[in-house]
């Protein structure tokens, strides 16, 4: 069973049609996944490693999602 609720069809349709609030809902829906994709490992001067969210990667992923939604065609 899927633990994550699906986006309502109406939100997707409005986002495809250019509604900015609907697009924000789409991006927010995938926020956790986007953050996990945008993490990268850094090593400090002492050799300690940490995972950080690369804000540039995060924004690029969000933009790719937005472009994909805009191009989406309903059949």
N, C-alpha and C. Protein backbone atom coordinates (compact mmCIF):
# COMPACT_ATOMS: atom_id res chain seq x y z
N UNK A 1 0.84 -1.18 0.00
CA UNK A 1 0.00 0.00 0.00
C UNK A 1 0.88 1.23 0.00
N UNK A 2 0.48 2.23 -0.71
CA UNK A 2 1.22 3.48 -0.81
C UNK A 2 0.92 4.35 0.40
N UNK A 3 1.97 4.76 1.13
CA UNK A 3 1.80 5.60 2.31
C UNK A 3 1.69 7.08 1.97
N UNK A 4 1.96 7.43 0.73
CA UNK A 4 1.94 8.82 0.31
C UNK A 4 0.68 9.08 -0.52
N UNK A 5 -0.06 10.12 -0.15
CA UNK A 5 -1.27 10.42 -0.93
C UNK A 5 -0.89 10.95 -2.32
N UNK A 6 -1.72 10.63 -3.28
CA UNK A 6 -1.50 11.12 -4.63
C UNK A 6 -1.96 12.56 -4.74
N UNK A 7 -1.37 13.28 -5.66
CA UNK A 7 -1.85 14.62 -5.94
C UNK A 7 -3.21 14.53 -6.61
N UNK A 8 -4.14 15.36 -6.22
CA UNK A 8 -5.44 15.34 -6.90
C UNK A 8 -5.29 15.71 -8.38
N UNK A 9 -6.11 15.08 -9.19
CA UNK A 9 -6.10 15.33 -10.63
C UNK A 9 -6.29 16.82 -10.91
N UNK A 10 -7.15 17.45 -10.16
CA UNK A 10 -7.44 18.87 -10.40
C UNK A 10 -6.19 19.75 -10.18
N UNK A 11 -5.38 19.40 -9.19
CA UNK A 11 -4.15 20.16 -8.93
C UNK A 11 -3.18 20.00 -10.10
N UNK A 12 -3.04 18.78 -10.58
CA UNK A 12 -2.14 18.53 -11.71
C UNK A 12 -2.63 19.28 -12.94
N UNK A 13 -3.91 19.21 -13.21
CA UNK A 13 -4.48 19.90 -14.36
C UNK A 13 -4.26 21.41 -14.27
N UNK A 14 -4.48 21.98 -13.10
CA UNK A 14 -4.28 23.43 -12.94
C UNK A 14 -2.79 23.79 -13.09
N UNK A 15 -1.90 22.95 -12.59
CA UNK A 15 -0.46 23.20 -12.72
C UNK A 15 -0.05 23.17 -14.19
N UNK A 16 -0.56 22.20 -14.93
CA UNK A 16 -0.27 22.10 -16.36
C UNK A 16 -0.76 23.34 -17.09
N UNK A 17 -1.87 23.88 -16.64
CA UNK A 17 -2.45 25.08 -17.27
C UNK A 17 -1.77 26.37 -16.81
N UNK A 18 -0.79 26.28 -15.90
CA UNK A 18 -0.02 27.45 -15.51
C UNK A 18 -0.38 28.08 -14.18
N UNK A 19 -1.23 27.45 -13.41
CA UNK A 19 -1.60 28.01 -12.10
C UNK A 19 -0.40 27.90 -11.15
N UNK A 20 0.10 29.02 -10.68
CA UNK A 20 1.31 29.01 -9.85
C UNK A 20 1.09 28.37 -8.48
N UNK A 21 -0.09 28.53 -7.90
CA UNK A 21 -0.36 27.90 -6.61
C UNK A 21 -0.42 26.39 -6.75
N UNK A 22 -0.99 25.92 -7.83
CA UNK A 22 -1.04 24.47 -8.08
C UNK A 22 0.37 23.94 -8.32
N UNK A 23 1.20 24.70 -9.05
CA UNK A 23 2.57 24.28 -9.29
C UNK A 23 3.34 24.20 -7.98
N UNK A 24 3.10 25.16 -7.09
CA UNK A 24 3.73 25.11 -5.77
C UNK A 24 3.33 23.85 -5.01
N UNK A 25 2.07 23.45 -5.14
CA UNK A 25 1.61 22.21 -4.49
C UNK A 25 2.31 20.99 -5.07
N UNK A 26 2.52 20.98 -6.38
CA UNK A 26 3.22 19.86 -7.02
C UNK A 26 4.66 19.80 -6.52
N UNK A 27 5.34 20.92 -6.54
CA UNK A 27 6.74 20.95 -6.08
C UNK A 27 6.82 20.56 -4.61
N UNK A 28 5.91 21.08 -3.80
CA UNK A 28 5.89 20.75 -2.37
C UNK A 28 5.63 19.26 -2.14
N UNK A 29 4.78 18.68 -2.98
CA UNK A 29 4.47 17.26 -2.86
C UNK A 29 5.74 16.40 -3.01
N UNK A 30 6.63 16.82 -3.87
CA UNK A 30 7.86 16.08 -4.13
C UNK A 30 9.06 16.63 -3.37
N UNK A 31 8.84 17.52 -2.44
CA UNK A 31 9.91 18.19 -1.71
C UNK A 31 10.89 17.21 -1.04
N UNK A 32 10.37 16.23 -0.35
CA UNK A 32 11.23 15.26 0.34
C UNK A 32 12.10 14.48 -0.62
N UNK A 33 11.53 14.05 -1.72
CA UNK A 33 12.28 13.31 -2.73
C UNK A 33 13.34 14.21 -3.37
N UNK A 34 12.97 15.44 -3.66
CA UNK A 34 13.92 16.39 -4.25
C UNK A 34 15.09 16.61 -3.30
N UNK A 35 14.80 16.79 -2.03
CA UNK A 35 15.87 16.99 -1.05
C UNK A 35 16.79 15.79 -0.99
N UNK A 36 16.22 14.59 -1.02
CA UNK A 36 17.07 13.39 -0.97
C UNK A 36 17.96 13.29 -2.21
N UNK A 37 17.45 13.73 -3.36
CA UNK A 37 18.26 13.71 -4.58
C UNK A 37 19.35 14.78 -4.57
N UNK A 38 19.10 15.87 -3.85
CA UNK A 38 20.03 17.00 -3.86
C UNK A 38 21.10 16.91 -2.77
N UNK A 39 21.12 15.84 -2.01
CA UNK A 39 22.13 15.70 -0.95
C UNK A 39 23.46 15.27 -1.55
N UNK A 40 24.52 15.80 -0.96
CA UNK A 40 25.86 15.38 -1.35
C UNK A 40 26.74 15.33 -0.12
N UNK A 41 27.76 14.53 -0.22
CA UNK A 41 28.67 14.33 0.89
C UNK A 41 29.78 15.37 0.83
N UNK A 42 30.07 15.96 1.99
CA UNK A 42 31.20 16.87 2.07
C UNK A 42 32.16 16.34 3.14
N UNK A 43 33.42 16.70 2.99
CA UNK A 43 34.44 16.31 3.96
C UNK A 43 35.10 17.59 4.46
N UNK A 44 35.12 17.77 5.79
CA UNK A 44 35.74 18.98 6.32
C UNK A 44 37.25 18.78 6.47
N UNK A 45 37.92 19.83 6.97
CA UNK A 45 39.37 19.79 7.07
C UNK A 45 39.88 18.72 8.04
N UNK A 46 39.00 18.23 8.93
CA UNK A 46 39.39 17.18 9.88
C UNK A 46 39.08 15.78 9.37
N UNK A 47 38.54 15.69 8.17
CA UNK A 47 38.20 14.40 7.59
C UNK A 47 36.81 13.90 7.95
N UNK A 48 36.04 14.70 8.65
CA UNK A 48 34.67 14.33 9.00
C UNK A 48 33.77 14.51 7.79
N UNK A 49 32.87 13.56 7.59
CA UNK A 49 31.95 13.66 6.46
C UNK A 49 30.55 14.01 6.95
N UNK A 50 29.84 14.69 6.11
CA UNK A 50 28.45 15.06 6.42
C UNK A 50 27.68 15.15 5.11
N UNK A 51 26.40 14.88 5.20
CA UNK A 51 25.52 15.06 4.05
C UNK A 51 24.87 16.43 4.16
N UNK A 52 24.92 17.18 3.08
CA UNK A 52 24.26 18.48 3.04
C UNK A 52 23.35 18.54 1.82
N UNK A 53 22.37 19.41 1.89
CA UNK A 53 21.51 19.64 0.73
C UNK A 53 22.16 20.74 -0.10
N UNK A 54 22.49 20.39 -1.33
CA UNK A 54 23.07 21.38 -2.24
C UNK A 54 21.91 22.19 -2.81
N UNK A 55 21.83 23.46 -2.43
CA UNK A 55 20.71 24.30 -2.84
C UNK A 55 20.63 24.49 -4.35
N UNK A 56 21.79 24.52 -5.01
CA UNK A 56 21.79 24.67 -6.46
C UNK A 56 21.21 23.42 -7.12
N UNK A 57 21.63 22.24 -6.66
CA UNK A 57 21.08 21.00 -7.21
C UNK A 57 19.58 20.92 -6.94
N UNK A 58 19.18 21.32 -5.72
CA UNK A 58 17.77 21.28 -5.35
C UNK A 58 16.95 22.15 -6.31
N UNK A 59 17.43 23.34 -6.57
CA UNK A 59 16.69 24.25 -7.45
C UNK A 59 16.65 23.72 -8.88
N UNK A 60 17.75 23.14 -9.33
CA UNK A 60 17.76 22.56 -10.68
C UNK A 60 16.75 21.43 -10.82
N UNK A 61 16.65 20.59 -9.80
CA UNK A 61 15.69 19.49 -9.82
C UNK A 61 14.27 20.04 -9.82
N UNK A 62 14.02 21.06 -8.99
CA UNK A 62 12.70 21.68 -8.97
C UNK A 62 12.34 22.26 -10.34
N UNK A 63 13.30 22.91 -10.98
CA UNK A 63 13.05 23.48 -12.32
C UNK A 63 12.76 22.39 -13.35
N UNK A 64 13.47 21.27 -13.26
CA UNK A 64 13.20 20.15 -14.18
C UNK A 64 11.78 19.62 -13.98
N UNK A 65 11.36 19.54 -12.72
CA UNK A 65 10.00 19.09 -12.42
C UNK A 65 8.98 20.08 -12.99
N UNK A 66 9.20 21.36 -12.79
CA UNK A 66 8.29 22.39 -13.30
C UNK A 66 8.19 22.32 -14.82
N UNK A 67 9.33 22.19 -15.49
CA UNK A 67 9.33 22.07 -16.95
C UNK A 67 8.57 20.83 -17.41
N UNK A 68 8.76 19.72 -16.69
CA UNK A 68 8.07 18.48 -17.06
C UNK A 68 6.56 18.62 -16.89
N UNK A 69 6.13 19.29 -15.83
CA UNK A 69 4.70 19.50 -15.61
C UNK A 69 4.11 20.37 -16.71
N UNK A 70 4.83 21.42 -17.07
CA UNK A 70 4.34 22.33 -18.12
C UNK A 70 4.21 21.59 -19.46
N UNK A 71 5.12 20.66 -19.75
CA UNK A 71 5.09 19.92 -21.02
C UNK A 71 4.08 18.77 -21.01
N UNK A 72 3.57 18.41 -19.82
CA UNK A 72 2.71 17.25 -19.69
C UNK A 72 1.46 17.40 -20.54
N UNK A 73 1.13 16.35 -21.27
CA UNK A 73 -0.07 16.33 -22.11
C UNK A 73 -1.06 15.30 -21.59
N UNK A 74 -2.30 15.71 -21.42
CA UNK A 74 -3.37 14.78 -21.05
C UNK A 74 -3.93 14.16 -22.31
N UNK A 75 -4.14 12.88 -22.29
CA UNK A 75 -4.71 12.20 -23.47
C UNK A 75 -6.04 11.61 -23.13
